[in-house]
Amino acid sequence: MRAAAINLRALPEQRDLIDHAATLLGKNRSDFMLEAACERAQSVLLDQVFFGLDADKLQQFTSMLDAPPNANAGLERLMAVQVPWKSNKA
């Protein structure tokens, strides 16, 4: 049983388009919209994690990762901060 409500407003033309597509797939409007929204959400999230590269771009990317880092004063300051869980207090 679904417990969370999701409400939205649509133009009549948009509703009709969604209803037509849902009917073609044998689904109701809610199931169709929820499935479409979840597929899109998963795609957006995966785009943040996975990406494809051709052989040349992969070589460039690997070279950049393997190259020594450039000096970064801000990162050096951040890495020098004492973390609370490693304090000398007992």
Protein backbone atom coordinates (compact mmCIF):
# COMPACT_ATOMS: atom_id res chain seq x y z
CA MET A 1 0.00 0.00 0.00
CA ARG A 2 1.38 3.39 -0.97
CA ALA A 3 1.59 5.81 1.92
CA ALA A 4 2.94 9.07 0.47
CA ALA A 5 0.88 11.39 -1.72
CA ILE A 6 2.43 13.33 -4.60
CA ASN A 7 0.20 16.03 -6.08
CA LEU A 8 0.77 18.15 -9.16
CA ARG A 9 -1.18 20.29 -11.56
CA ALA A 10 -1.09 19.79 -15.31
CA LEU A 11 -2.63 21.35 -18.37
CA PRO A 12 -5.54 19.34 -19.79
CA GLU A 13 -3.43 18.58 -22.87
CA GLN A 14 -0.65 17.19 -20.70
CA ARG A 15 -3.10 15.05 -18.71
CA ASP A 16 -4.62 13.73 -21.94
CA LEU A 17 -1.20 12.88 -23.35
CA ILE A 18 -0.25 11.04 -20.16
CA ASP A 19 -3.57 9.22 -20.05
CA HIS A 20 -3.22 8.13 -23.68
CA ALA A 21 0.29 6.77 -23.14
CA ALA A 22 -0.75 5.05 -19.91
CA THR A 23 -3.70 3.40 -21.65
CA LEU A 24 -1.44 2.11 -24.43
CA LEU A 25 0.70 0.42 -21.78
CA GLY A 26 -2.29 -0.89 -19.82
CA LYS A 27 -1.51 1.29 -16.82
CA ASN A 28 -3.44 3.88 -14.90
CA ARG A 29 -2.29 7.50 -14.80
CA SER A 30 -0.73 7.25 -11.34
CA ASP A 31 1.25 4.10 -12.08
CA PHE A 32 2.43 5.48 -15.41
CA MET A 33 3.52 8.80 -13.91
CA LEU A 34 5.22 7.22 -10.91
CA GLU A 35 7.11 4.77 -13.12
CA ALA A 36 8.19 7.54 -15.53
CA ALA A 37 9.27 9.83 -12.69
CA CYS A 38 11.25 7.06 -10.98
CA GLU A 39 12.99 6.10 -14.23
CA ARG A 40 13.98 9.72 -14.81
CA ALA A 41 15.14 10.13 -11.20
CA GLN A 42 17.31 7.01 -11.47
CA SER A 43 18.79 8.32 -14.71
CA VAL A 44 19.67 11.65 -13.12
CA LEU A 45 21.26 9.94 -10.13
CA LEU A 46 23.23 7.49 -12.28
CA ASP A 47 24.51 10.37 -14.40
CA GLN A 48 26.13 11.69 -11.24
CA VAL A 49 28.04 8.44 -10.72
CA PHE A 50 28.59 6.66 -14.04
CA PHE A 51 29.86 8.11 -17.29
CA GLY A 52 31.13 6.61 -20.52
CA LEU A 53 34.29 7.55 -22.38
CA ASP A 54 35.77 6.45 -25.66
CA ALA A 55 39.32 5.04 -25.64
CA ASP A 56 41.02 8.42 -26.24
CA LYS A 57 39.02 10.23 -23.58
CA LEU A 58 39.59 7.37 -21.15
CA GLN A 59 43.34 7.66 -21.70
CA GLN A 60 43.20 11.43 -21.10
CA PHE A 61 41.11 10.95 -17.97
CA THR A 62 43.44 8.25 -16.61
CA SER A 63 46.47 10.45 -17.27
CA MET A 64 44.85 13.31 -15.36
CA LEU A 65 44.11 11.01 -12.42
CA ASP A 66 47.66 9.65 -12.43
CA ALA A 67 49.31 13.08 -12.67
CA PRO A 68 50.67 14.58 -9.44
CA PRO A 69 48.25 17.04 -7.87
CA ASN A 70 48.70 20.78 -8.26
CA ALA A 71 49.41 22.79 -5.13
CA ASN A 72 46.17 23.69 -3.36
CA ALA A 73 46.51 25.91 -0.28
CA GLY A 74 42.85 25.52 0.67
CA LEU A 75 43.07 21.73 0.59
CA GLU A 76 46.27 21.82 2.64
CA ARG A 77 44.54 23.96 5.31
CA LEU A 78 41.55 21.61 5.33
CA MET A 79 43.72 18.52 5.71
CA ALA A 80 45.61 20.14 8.61
CA VAL A 81 42.43 20.58 10.70
CA GLN A 82 42.31 18.33 13.76
CA VAL A 83 39.20 16.14 13.61
CA PRO A 84 37.15 16.01 16.81
CA TRP A 85 37.15 12.22 17.07
CA LYS A 86 40.95 12.19 17.21
CA SER A 87 41.38 14.82 19.91
CA ASN A 88 44.06 14.30 22.57
CA LYS A 89 41.52 14.69 25.36
CA ALA A 90 40.88 11.48 27.26
